Amino acid sequence: MTSMPPEPGESLWCAARPAELELRRWDGETVVYDPLPGSTHLLDPVASAVFDCLIGHDRSARDIAIALTGEFEADAEEDVLEAVQAALARLRAADLIRSADP
């Protein structure tokens, strides 16, 4: 996926410490073990796909939504963007992603 330049005021995100995380996948869901705090997280299919987009890449919510449009049942790209933004909030709360803004 080619990343588009971010819109003014649009945040970029990246995976936090991806080399340190242990991932296991089943049926679209991902279990992430973070050894630093000793926490385990279950990611639903949308959060799993969003997290995968951020491993090794800085991406905006819009970039991720464009990449994932058509992969999930949604009526419009705006619905995918809302799902991506919700997944980003959950991933940020779990400290699995961080801001990549300069």
PDB file of N, CA and C in Angstrom:
ATOM      1  N   MET A   1       0.847  -1.168   0.000  1.00  0.00           N
ATOM      2  CA  MET A   1       0.000   0.000   0.000  1.00  0.00           C
ATOM      3  C   MET A   1       0.895   1.234   0.000  1.00  0.00           C
ATOM      4  N   THR A   2       0.601   2.160  -0.871  1.00  0.00           N
ATOM      5  CA  THR A   2       1.331   3.421  -0.921  1.00  0.00           C
ATOM      6  C   THR A   2       0.652   4.409   0.007  1.00  0.00           C
ATOM      7  N   SER A   3       1.427   5.003   0.867  1.00  0.00           N
ATOM      8  CA  SER A   3       0.878   5.960   1.822  1.00  0.00           C
ATOM      9  C   SER A   3       0.756   7.328   1.166  1.00  0.00           C
ATOM     10  N   MET A   4      -0.397   7.962   1.390  1.00  0.00           N
ATOM     11  CA  MET A   4      -0.619   9.309   0.881  1.00  0.00           C
ATOM     12  C   MET A   4      -0.103  10.314   1.901  1.00  0.00           C
ATOM     13  N   PRO A   5       0.314  11.499   1.453  1.00  0.00           N
ATOM     14  CA  PRO A   5       0.720  12.519   2.429  1.00  0.00           C
ATOM     15  C   PRO A   5      -0.472  12.847   3.327  1.00  0.00           C
ATOM     16  N   PRO A   6      -0.230  13.043   4.611  1.00  0.00           N
ATOM     17  CA  PRO A   6      -1.358  13.332   5.506  1.00  0.00           C
ATOM     18  C   PRO A   6      -1.968  14.702   5.214  1.00  0.00           C
ATOM     19  N   GLU A   7      -3.251  14.793   5.442  1.00  0.00           N
ATOM     20  CA  GLU A   7      -3.947  16.071   5.356  1.00  0.00           C
ATOM     21  C   GLU A   7      -3.479  16.938   6.527  1.00  0.00           C
ATOM     22  N   PRO A   8      -3.548  18.260   6.409  1.00  0.00           N
ATOM     23  CA  PRO A   8      -3.188  19.106   7.553  1.00  0.00           C
ATOM     24  C   PRO A   8      -4.010  18.720   8.792  1.00  0.00           C
ATOM     25  N   GLY A   9      -3.329  18.535   9.893  1.00  0.00           N
ATOM     26  CA  GLY A   9      -3.989  18.171  11.144  1.00  0.00           C
ATOM     27  C   GLY A   9      -4.285  16.694  11.293  1.00  0.00           C
ATOM     28  N   GLU A  10      -3.971  15.890  10.278  1.00  0.00           N
ATOM     29  CA  GLU A  10      -4.233  14.451  10.332  1.00  0.00           C
ATOM     30  C   GLU A  10      -3.054  13.738  10.997  1.00  0.00           C
ATOM     31  N   SER A  11      -3.337  12.877  11.953  1.00  0.00           N
ATOM     32  CA  SER A  11      -2.286  12.173  12.684  1.00  0.00           C
ATOM     33  C   SER A  11      -1.793  10.954  11.926  1.00  0.00           C
ATOM     34  N   LEU A  12      -0.525  10.658  12.119  1.00  0.00           N
ATOM     35  CA  LEU A  12       0.069   9.420  11.623  1.00  0.00           C
ATOM     36  C   LEU A  12       0.284   8.493  12.814  1.00  0.00           C
ATOM     37  N   TRP A  13       0.112   7.194  12.578  1.00  0.00           N
ATOM     38  CA  TRP A  13       0.244   6.190  13.631  1.00  0.00           C
ATOM     39  C   TRP A  13       1.210   5.110  13.189  1.00  0.00           C
ATOM     40  N   CYS A  14       1.832   4.445  14.152  1.00  0.00           N
ATOM     41  CA  CYS A  14       2.686   3.297  13.870  1.00  0.00           C
ATOM     42  C   CYS A  14       2.579   2.320  15.035  1.00  0.00           C
ATOM     43  N   ALA A  15       2.974   1.081  14.769  1.00  0.00           N
ATOM     44  CA  ALA A  15       2.966   0.077  15.828  1.00  0.00           C
ATOM     45  C   ALA A  15       4.059   0.423  16.835  1.00  0.00           C
ATOM     46  N   ALA A  16       3.747   0.267  18.102  1.00  0.00           N
ATOM     47  CA  ALA A  16       4.718   0.521  19.174  1.00  0.00           C
ATOM     48  C   ALA A  16       5.485  -0.773  19.454  1.00  0.00           C
ATOM     49  N   ARG A  17       6.762  -0.740  19.300  1.00  0.00           N
ATOM     50  CA  ARG A  17       7.638  -1.872  19.603  1.00  0.00           C
ATOM     51  C   ARG A  17       7.201  -3.194  18.965  1.00  0.00           C
ATOM     52  N   PRO A  18       6.952  -3.241  17.640  1.00  0.00           N
ATOM     53  CA  PRO A  18       6.433  -4.475  17.042  1.00  0.00           C
ATOM     54  C   PRO A  18       7.373  -5.670  17.183  1.00  0.00           C
ATOM     55  N   ALA A  19       8.681  -5.429  17.227  1.00  0.00           N
ATOM     56  CA  ALA A  19       9.629  -6.539  17.352  1.00  0.00           C
ATOM     57  C   ALA A  19       9.531  -7.225  18.710  1.00  0.00           C
ATOM     58  N   GLU A  20       9.029  -6.520  19.713  1.00  0.00           N
ATOM     59  CA  GLU A  20       8.941  -7.086  21.058  1.00  0.00           C
ATOM     60  C   GLU A  20       7.626  -7.814  21.325  1.00  0.00           C
ATOM     61  N   LEU A  21       6.648  -7.647  20.441  1.00  0.00           N
ATOM     62  CA  LEU A  21       5.331  -8.224  20.672  1.00  0.00           C
ATOM     63  C   LEU A  21       5.250  -9.631  20.108  1.00  0.00           C
ATOM     64  N   GLU A  22       4.504 -10.478  20.795  1.00  0.00           N
ATOM     65  CA  GLU A  22       4.240 -11.828  20.297  1.00  0.00           C
ATOM     66  C   GLU A  22       2.808 -11.870  19.800  1.00  0.00           C
ATOM     67  N   LEU A  23       2.622 -12.334  18.551  1.00  0.00           N
ATOM     68  CA  LEU A  23       1.312 -12.353  17.921  1.00  0.00           C
ATOM     69  C   LEU A  23       0.897 -13.778  17.600  1.00  0.00           C
ATOM     70  N   ARG A  24      -0.361 -14.100  17.847  1.00  0.00           N
ATOM     71  CA  ARG A  24      -0.968 -15.367  17.445  1.00  0.00           C
ATOM     72  C   ARG A  24      -2.290 -15.021  16.780  1.00  0.00           C
ATOM     73  N   ARG A  25      -2.581 -15.677  15.655  1.00  0.00           N
ATOM     74  CA  ARG A  25      -3.785 -15.343  14.887  1.00  0.00           C
ATOM     75  C   ARG A  25      -4.696 -16.557  14.726  1.00  0.00           C
ATOM     76  N   TRP A  26      -6.005 -16.302  14.869  1.00  0.00           N
ATOM     77  CA  TRP A  26      -7.029 -17.319  14.653  1.00  0.00           C
ATOM     78  C   TRP A  26      -8.256 -16.651  14.050  1.00  0.00           C
ATOM     79  N   ASP A  27      -8.710 -17.150  12.920  1.00  0.00           N
ATOM     80  CA  ASP A  27      -9.977 -16.722  12.307  1.00  0.00           C
ATOM     81  C   ASP A  27     -10.134 -15.197  12.251  1.00  0.00           C
ATOM     82  N   GLY A  28      -9.096 -14.489  11.850  1.00  0.00           N
ATOM     83  CA  GLY A  28      -9.189 -13.045  11.703  1.00  0.00           C
ATOM     84  C   GLY A  28      -8.904 -12.259  12.970  1.00  0.00           C
ATOM     85  N   GLU A  29      -8.891 -12.922  14.105  1.00  0.00           N
ATOM     86  CA  GLU A  29      -8.582 -12.243  15.359  1.00  0.00           C
ATOM     87  C   GLU A  29      -7.104 -12.457  15.687  1.00  0.00           C
ATOM     88  N   THR A  30      -6.567 -11.560  16.479  1.00  0.00           N
ATOM     89  CA  THR A  30      -5.163 -11.643  16.860  1.00  0.00           C
ATOM     90  C   THR A  30      -5.044 -11.492  18.366  1.00  0.00           C
ATOM     91  N   VAL A  31      -4.231 -12.349  18.960  1.00  0.00           N
ATOM     92  CA  VAL A  31      -3.874 -12.199  20.367  1.00  0.00           C
ATOM     93  C   VAL A  31      -2.466 -11.629  20.388  1.00  0.00           C
ATOM     94  N   VAL A  32      -2.307 -10.526  21.108  1.00  0.00           N
ATOM     95  CA  VAL A  32      -1.020  -9.851  21.205  1.00  0.00           C
ATOM     96  C   VAL A  32      -0.554  -9.920  22.649  1.00  0.00           C
ATOM     97  N   TYR A  33       0.650 -10.460  22.843  1.00  0.00           N
ATOM     98  CA  TYR A  33       1.265 -10.452  24.167  1.00  0.00           C
ATOM     99  C   TYR A  33       2.374  -9.412  24.146  1.00  0.00           C
ATOM    100  N   ASP A  34       2.314  -8.486  25.085  1.00  0.00           N
ATOM    101  CA  ASP A  34       3.328  -7.443  25.230  1.00  0.00           C
ATOM    102  C   ASP A  34       4.119  -7.756  26.491  1.00  0.00           C
ATOM    103  N   PRO A  35       5.347  -8.262  26.341  1.00  0.00           N
ATOM    104  CA  PRO A  35       6.116  -8.674  27.516  1.00  0.00           C
ATOM    105  C   PRO A  35       6.562  -7.529  28.419  1.00  0.00           C
ATOM    106  N   LEU A  36       6.638  -6.304  27.889  1.00  0.00           N
ATOM    107  CA  LEU A  36       7.097  -5.186  28.717  1.00  0.00           C
ATOM    108  C   LEU A  36       6.193  -4.996  29.933  1.00  0.00           C
ATOM    109  N   PRO A  37       4.876  -4.811  29.745  1.00  0.00           N
ATOM    110  CA  PRO A  37       4.008  -4.726  30.922  1.00  0.00           C
ATOM    111  C   PRO A  37       3.431  -6.087  31.316  1.00  0.00           C
ATOM    112  N   GLY A  38       3.631  -7.110  30.466  1.00  0.00           N
ATOM    113  CA  GLY A  38       3.059  -8.421  30.744  1.00  0.00           C
ATOM    114  C   GLY A  38       1.580  -8.498  30.403  1.00  0.00           C
ATOM    115  N   SER A  39       1.137  -7.716  29.437  1.00  0.00           N
ATOM    116  CA  SER A  39      -0.287  -7.682  29.108  1.00  0.00           C
ATOM    117  C   SER A  39      -0.586  -8.461  27.829  1.00  0.00           C
ATOM    118  N   THR A  40      -1.814  -8.964  27.778  1.00  0.00           N
ATOM    119  CA  THR A  40      -2.309  -9.700  26.616  1.00  0.00           C
ATOM    120  C   THR A  40      -3.563  -9.010  26.111  1.00  0.00           C
ATOM    121  N   HIS A  41      -3.694  -8.893  24.787  1.00  0.00           N
ATOM    122  CA  HIS A  41      -4.826  -8.202  24.176  1.00  0.00           C
ATOM    123  C   HIS A  41      -5.415  -9.062  23.070  1.00  0.00           C
ATOM    124  N   LEU A  42      -6.749  -9.107  23.000  1.00  0.00           N
ATOM    125  CA  LEU A  42      -7.451  -9.778  21.916  1.00  0.00           C
ATOM    126  C   LEU A  42      -7.945  -8.712  20.950  1.00  0.00           C
ATOM    127  N   LEU A  43      -7.475  -8.784  19.706  1.00  0.00           N
ATOM    128  CA  LEU A  43      -7.879  -7.819  18.687  1.00  0.00           C
ATOM    129  C   LEU A  43      -8.926  -8.454  17.783  1.00  0.00           C
ATOM    130  N   ASP A  44     -10.037  -7.746  17.578  1.00  0.00           N
ATOM    131  CA  ASP A  44     -11.065  -8.220  16.652  1.00  0.00           C
ATOM    132  C   ASP A  44     -10.526  -8.095  15.226  1.00  0.00           C
ATOM    133  N   PRO A  45     -11.262  -8.607  14.234  1.00  0.00           N
ATOM    134  CA  PRO A  45     -10.738  -8.561  12.862  1.00  0.00           C
ATOM    135  C   PRO A  45     -10.389  -7.159  12.361  1.00  0.00           C
ATOM    136  N   VAL A  46     -11.173  -6.153  12.700  1.00  0.00           N
ATOM    137  CA  VAL A  46     -10.859  -4.791  12.238  1.00  0.00           C
ATOM    138  C   VAL A  46      -9.584  -4.291  12.906  1.00  0.00           C
ATOM    139  N   ALA A  47      -9.487  -4.420  14.217  1.00  0.00           N
ATOM    140  CA  ALA A  47      -8.279  -3.977  14.923  1.00  0.00           C
ATOM    141  C   ALA A  47      -7.056  -4.763  14.453  1.00  0.00           C
ATOM    142  N   SER A  48      -7.229  -6.057  14.163  1.00  0.00           N
ATOM    143  CA  SER A  48      -6.119  -6.865  13.642  1.00  0.00           C
ATOM    144  C   SER A  48      -5.624  -6.320  12.313  1.00  0.00           C
ATOM    145  N   ALA A  49      -6.558  -6.012  11.418  1.00  0.00           N
ATOM    146  CA  ALA A  49      -6.184  -5.486  10.101  1.00  0.00           C
ATOM    147  C   ALA A  49      -5.524  -4.114  10.222  1.00  0.00           C
ATOM    148  N   VAL A  50      -6.050  -3.273  11.103  1.00  0.00           N
ATOM    149  CA  VAL A  50      -5.466  -1.947  11.320  1.00  0.00           C
ATOM    150  C   VAL A  50      -4.051  -2.095  11.874  1.00  0.00           C
ATOM    151  N   PHE A  51      -3.880  -2.954  12.875  1.00  0.00           N
ATOM    152  CA  PHE A  51      -2.561  -3.166  13.468  1.00  0.00           C
ATOM    153  C   PHE A  51      -1.579  -3.664  12.407  1.00  0.00           C
ATOM    154  N   ASP A  52      -2.011  -4.608  11.568  1.00  0.00           N
ATOM    155  CA  ASP A  52      -1.135  -5.113  10.504  1.00  0.00           C
ATOM    156  C   ASP A  52      -0.685  -3.997   9.563  1.00  0.00           C
ATOM    157  N   CYS A  53      -1.585  -3.065   9.266  1.00  0.00           N
ATOM    158  CA  CYS A  53      -1.229  -1.929   8.394  1.00  0.00           C
ATOM    159  C   CYS A  53      -0.158  -1.041   9.013  1.00  0.00           C
ATOM    160  N   LEU A  54      -0.039  -1.069  10.333  1.00  0.00           N
ATOM    161  CA  LEU A  54       0.878  -0.165  11.027  1.00  0.00           C
ATOM    162  C   LEU A  54       2.228  -0.792  11.367  1.00  0.00           C
ATOM    163  N   ILE A  55       2.362  -2.089  11.172  1.00  0.00           N
ATOM    164  CA  ILE A  55       3.641  -2.730  11.472  1.00  0.00           C
ATOM    165  C   ILE A  55       4.649  -2.332  10.396  1.00  0.00           C
ATOM    166  N   GLY A  56       5.631  -1.564  10.800  1.00  0.00           N
ATOM    167  CA  GLY A  56       6.686  -1.119   9.889  1.00  0.00           C
ATOM    168  C   GLY A  56       6.323   0.070   9.019  1.00  0.00           C
ATOM    169  N   HIS A  57       5.137   0.675   9.244  1.00  0.00           N
ATOM    170  CA  HIS A  57       4.699   1.789   8.406  1.00  0.00           C
ATOM    171  C   HIS A  57       4.020   2.849   9.256  1.00  0.00           C
ATOM    172  N   ASP A  58       4.211   4.088   8.873  1.00  0.00           N
ATOM    173  CA  ASP A  58       3.458   5.205   9.460  1.00  0.00           C
ATOM    174  C   ASP A  58       2.261   5.457   8.559  1.00  0.00           C
ATOM    175  N   ARG A  59       1.058   5.415   9.125  1.00  0.00           N
ATOM    176  CA  ARG A  59      -0.156   5.556   8.328  1.00  0.00           C
ATOM    177  C   ARG A  59      -1.154   6.459   9.037  1.00  0.00           C
ATOM    178  N   SER A  60      -1.948   7.125   8.249  1.00  0.00           N
ATOM    179  CA  SER A  60      -3.074   7.895   8.791  1.00  0.00           C
ATOM    180  C   SER A  60      -4.305   6.999   8.794  1.00  0.00           C
ATOM    181  N   ALA A  61      -5.320   7.402   9.545  1.00  0.00           N
ATOM    182  CA  ALA A  61      -6.584   6.656   9.562  1.00  0.00           C
ATOM    183  C   ALA A  61      -7.153   6.582   8.146  1.00  0.00           C
ATOM    184  N   ARG A  62      -7.038   7.654   7.394  1.00  0.00           N
ATOM    185  CA  ARG A  62      -7.560   7.688   6.024  1.00  0.00           C
ATOM    186  C   ARG A  62      -6.833   6.676   5.141  1.00  0.00           C
ATOM    187  N   ASP A  63      -5.493   6.600   5.239  1.00  0.00           N
ATOM    188  CA  ASP A  63      -4.723   5.612   4.466  1.00  0.00           C
ATOM    189  C   ASP A  63      -5.171   4.197   4.786  1.00  0.00           C
ATOM    190  N   ILE A  64      -5.350   3.922   6.064  1.00  0.00           N
ATOM    191  CA  ILE A  64      -5.749   2.584   6.483  1.00  0.00           C
ATOM    192  C   ILE A  64      -7.146   2.271   5.961  1.00  0.00           C
ATOM    193  N   ALA A  65      -8.062   3.232   6.066  1.00  0.00           N
ATOM    194  CA  ALA A  65      -9.434   3.015   5.586  1.00  0.00           C
ATOM    195  C   ALA A  65      -9.452   2.732   4.089  1.00  0.00           C
ATOM    196  N   ILE A  66      -8.647   3.449   3.332  1.00  0.00           N
ATOM    197  CA  ILE A  66      -8.572   3.208   1.888  1.00  0.00           C
ATOM    198  C   ILE A  66      -8.080   1.789   1.619  1.00  0.00           C
ATOM    199  N   ALA A  67      -7.053   1.364   2.347  1.00  0.00           N
ATOM    200  CA  ALA A  67      -6.503   0.019   2.158  1.00  0.00           C
ATOM    201  C   ALA A  67      -7.502  -1.072   2.536  1.00  0.00           C
ATOM    202  N   LEU A  68      -8.340  -0.805   3.537  1.00  0.00           N
ATOM    203  CA  LEU A  68      -9.246  -1.839   4.041  1.00  0.00           C
ATOM    204  C   LEU A  68     -10.643  -1.789   3.435  1.00  0.00           C
ATOM    205  N   THR A  69     -10.952  -0.743   2.667  1.00  0.00           N
ATOM    206  CA  THR A  69     -12.269  -0.662   2.034  1.00  0.00           C
ATOM    207  C   THR A  69     -12.442  -1.889   1.134  1.00  0.00           C
ATOM    208  N   GLY A  70     -13.531  -2.575   1.317  1.00  0.00           N
ATOM    209  CA  GLY A  70     -13.805  -3.788   0.552  1.00  0.00           C
ATOM    210  C   GLY A  70     -13.463  -5.060   1.299  1.00  0.00           C
ATOM    211  N   GLU A  71     -12.650  -4.963   2.360  1.00  0.00           N
ATOM    212  CA  GLU A  71     -12.299  -6.143   3.140  1.00  0.00           C
ATOM    213  C   GLU A  71     -13.320  -6.454   4.225  1.00  0.00           C
ATOM    214  N   PHE A  72     -14.124  -5.454   4.607  1.00  0.00           N
ATOM    215  CA  PHE A  72     -15.103  -5.628   5.663  1.00  0.00           C
ATOM    216  C   PHE A  72     -16.465  -5.196   5.161  1.00  0.00           C
ATOM    217  N   GLU A  73     -17.490  -5.754   5.760  1.00  0.00           N
ATOM    218  CA  GLU A  73     -18.847  -5.349   5.394  1.00  0.00           C
ATOM    219  C   GLU A  73     -19.094  -3.939   5.906  1.00  0.00           C
ATOM    220  N   ALA A  74     -19.247  -3.031   4.974  1.00  0.00           N
ATOM    221  CA  ALA A  74     -19.533  -1.631   5.314  1.00  0.00           C
ATOM    222  C   ALA A  74     -20.252  -1.016   4.129  1.00  0.00           C
ATOM    223  N   ASP A  75     -21.111  -0.077   4.409  1.00  0.00           N
ATOM    224  CA  ASP A  75     -21.891   0.548   3.350  1.00  0.00           C
ATOM    225  C   ASP A  75     -21.088   1.556   2.540  1.00  0.00           C
ATOM    226  N   ALA A  76     -20.105   2.179   3.132  1.00  0.00           N
ATOM    227  CA  ALA A  76     -19.365   3.225   2.438  1.00  0.00           C
ATOM    228  C   ALA A  76     -17.982   3.373   3.056  1.00  0.00           C
ATOM    229  N   GLU A  77     -17.108   4.067   2.332  1.00  0.00           N
ATOM    230  CA  GLU A  77     -15.757   4.311   2.833  1.00  0.00           C
ATOM    231  C   GLU A  77     -15.789   5.053   4.169  1.00  0.00           C
ATOM    232  N   GLU A  78     -16.793   5.919   4.365  1.00  0.00           N
ATOM    233  CA  GLU A  78     -16.913   6.644   5.630  1.00  0.00           C
ATOM    234  C   GLU A  78     -17.143   5.681   6.795  1.00  0.00           C
ATOM    235  N   ASP A  79     -17.909   4.597   6.541  1.00  0.00           N
ATOM    236  CA  ASP A  79     -18.137   3.597   7.589  1.00  0.00           C
ATOM    237  C   ASP A  79     -16.834   2.882   7.947  1.00  0.00           C
ATOM    238  N   VAL A  80     -16.037   2.595   6.925  1.00  0.00           N
ATOM    239  CA  VAL A  80     -14.743   1.958   7.170  1.00  0.00           C
ATOM    240  C   VAL A  80     -13.850   2.911   7.951  1.00  0.00           C
ATOM    241  N   LEU A  81     -13.844   4.187   7.597  1.00  0.00           N
ATOM    242  CA  LEU A  81     -13.031   5.170   8.307  1.00  0.00           C
ATOM    243  C   LEU A  81     -13.440   5.239   9.778  1.00  0.00           C
ATOM    244  N   GLU A  82     -14.736   5.228  10.055  1.00  0.00           N
ATOM    245  CA  GLU A  82     -15.194   5.240  11.454  1.00  0.00           C
ATOM    246  C   GLU A  82     -14.723   3.995  12.197  1.00  0.00           C
ATOM    247  N   ALA A  83     -14.797   2.833  11.555  1.00  0.00           N
ATOM    248  CA  ALA A  83     -14.341   1.590  12.186  1.00  0.00           C
ATOM    249  C   ALA A  83     -12.834   1.630  12.438  1.00  0.00           C
ATOM    250  N   VAL A  84     -12.085   2.190  11.490  1.00  0.00           N
ATOM    251  CA  VAL A  84     -10.632   2.322  11.641  1.00  0.00           C
ATOM    252  C   VAL A  84     -10.313   3.261  12.801  1.00  0.00           C
ATOM    253  N   GLN A  85     -11.003   4.391  12.871  1.00  0.00           N
ATOM    254  CA  GLN A  85     -10.757   5.342  13.958  1.00  0.00           C
ATOM    255  C   GLN A  85     -11.068   4.720  15.315  1.00  0.00           C
ATOM    256  N   ALA A  86     -12.124   3.938  15.411  1.00  0.00           N
ATOM    257  CA  ALA A  86     -12.449   3.261  16.670  1.00  0.00           C
ATOM    258  C   ALA A  86     -11.375   2.233  17.022  1.00  0.00           C
ATOM    259  N   ALA A  87     -10.893   1.497  16.022  1.00  0.00           N
ATOM    260  CA  ALA A  87      -9.832   0.518  16.268  1.00  0.00           C
ATOM    261  C   ALA A  87      -8.544   1.210  16.698  1.00  0.00           C
ATOM    262  N   LEU A  88      -8.220   2.343  16.063  1.00  0.00           N
ATOM    263  CA  LEU A  88      -7.025   3.092  16.473  1.00  0.00           C
ATOM    264  C   LEU A  88      -7.131   3.530  17.930  1.00  0.00           C
ATOM    265  N   ALA A  89      -8.301   3.959  18.347  1.00  0.00           N
ATOM    266  CA  ALA A  89      -8.484   4.378  19.745  1.00  0.00           C
ATOM    267  C   ALA A  89      -8.263   3.205  20.690  1.00  0.00           C
ATOM    268  N   ARG A  90      -8.785   2.027  20.327  1.00  0.00           N
ATOM    269  CA  ARG A  90      -8.584   0.842  21.183  1.00  0.00           C
ATOM    270  C   ARG A  90      -7.116   0.422  21.223  1.00  0.00           C
ATOM    271  N   LEU A  91      -6.459   0.453  20.072  1.00  0.00           N
ATOM    272  CA  LEU A  91      -5.041   0.084  20.018  1.00  0.00           C
ATOM    273  C   LEU A  91      -4.184   1.074  20.795  1.00  0.00           C
ATOM    274  N   ARG A  92      -4.514   2.347  20.717  1.00  0.00           N
ATOM    275  CA  ARG A  92      -3.768   3.376  21.467  1.00  0.00           C
ATOM    276  C   ARG A  92      -3.969   3.183  22.970  1.00  0.00           C
ATOM    277  N   ALA A  93      -5.205   2.908  23.379  1.00  0.00           N
ATOM    278  CA  ALA A  93      -5.493   2.696  24.803  1.00  0.00           C
ATOM    279  C   ALA A  93      -4.734   1.485  25.341  1.00  0.00           C
ATOM    280  N   ALA A  94      -4.474   0.503  24.473  1.00  0.00           N
ATOM    281  CA  ALA A  94      -3.730  -0.688  24.881  1.00  0.00           C
ATOM    282  C   ALA A  94      -2.220  -0.505  24.746  1.00  0.00           C
ATOM    283  N   ASP A  95      -1.776   0.684  24.329  1.00  0.00           N
ATOM    284  CA  ASP A  95      -0.362   0.999  24.109  1.00  0.00           C
ATOM    285  C   ASP A  95       0.284   0.113  23.057  1.00  0.00           C
ATOM    286  N   LEU A  96      -0.506  -0.330  22.073  1.00  0.00           N
ATOM    287  CA  LEU A  96       0.023  -1.139  20.988  1.00  0.00           C
ATOM    288  C   LEU A  96       0.439  -0.299  19.788  1.00  0.00           C
ATOM    289  N   ILE A  97      -0.032   0.947  19.734  1.00  0.00           N
ATOM    290  CA  ILE A  97       0.386   1.877  18.694  1.00  0.00           C
ATOM    291  C   ILE A  97       0.778   3.191  19.355  1.00  0.00           C
ATOM    292  N   ARG A  98       1.474   4.001  18.587  1.00  0.00           N
ATOM    293  CA  ARG A  98       1.861   5.330  19.079  1.00  0.00           C
ATOM    294  C   ARG A  98       1.798   6.310  17.925  1.00  0.00           C
ATOM    295  N   SER A  99       1.797   7.580  18.273  1.00  0.00           N
ATOM    296  CA  SER A  99       1.812   8.629  17.266  1.00  0.00           C
ATOM    297  C   SER A  99       3.146   8.601  16.541  1.00  0.00           C
ATOM    298  N   ALA A 100       3.086   8.760  15.239  1.00  0.00           N
ATOM    299  CA  ALA A 100       4.303   8.850  14.426  1.00  0.00           C
ATOM    300  C   ALA A 100       4.469  10.270  13.904  1.00  0.00           C
ATOM    301  N   ASP A 101       3.702  11.197  14.452  1.00  0.00           N
ATOM    302  CA  ASP A 101       3.797  12.575  14.011  1.00  0.00           C
ATOM    303  C   ASP A 101       5.175  13.139  14.347  1.00  0.00           C
ATOM    304  N   PRO A 102       5.710  13.951  13.431  1.00  0.00           N
ATOM    305  CA  PRO A 102       7.039  14.541  13.683  1.00  0.00           C
ATOM    306  C   PRO A 102       6.994  15.515  14.856  1.00  0.00           C
TER     307      PRO A 102
END
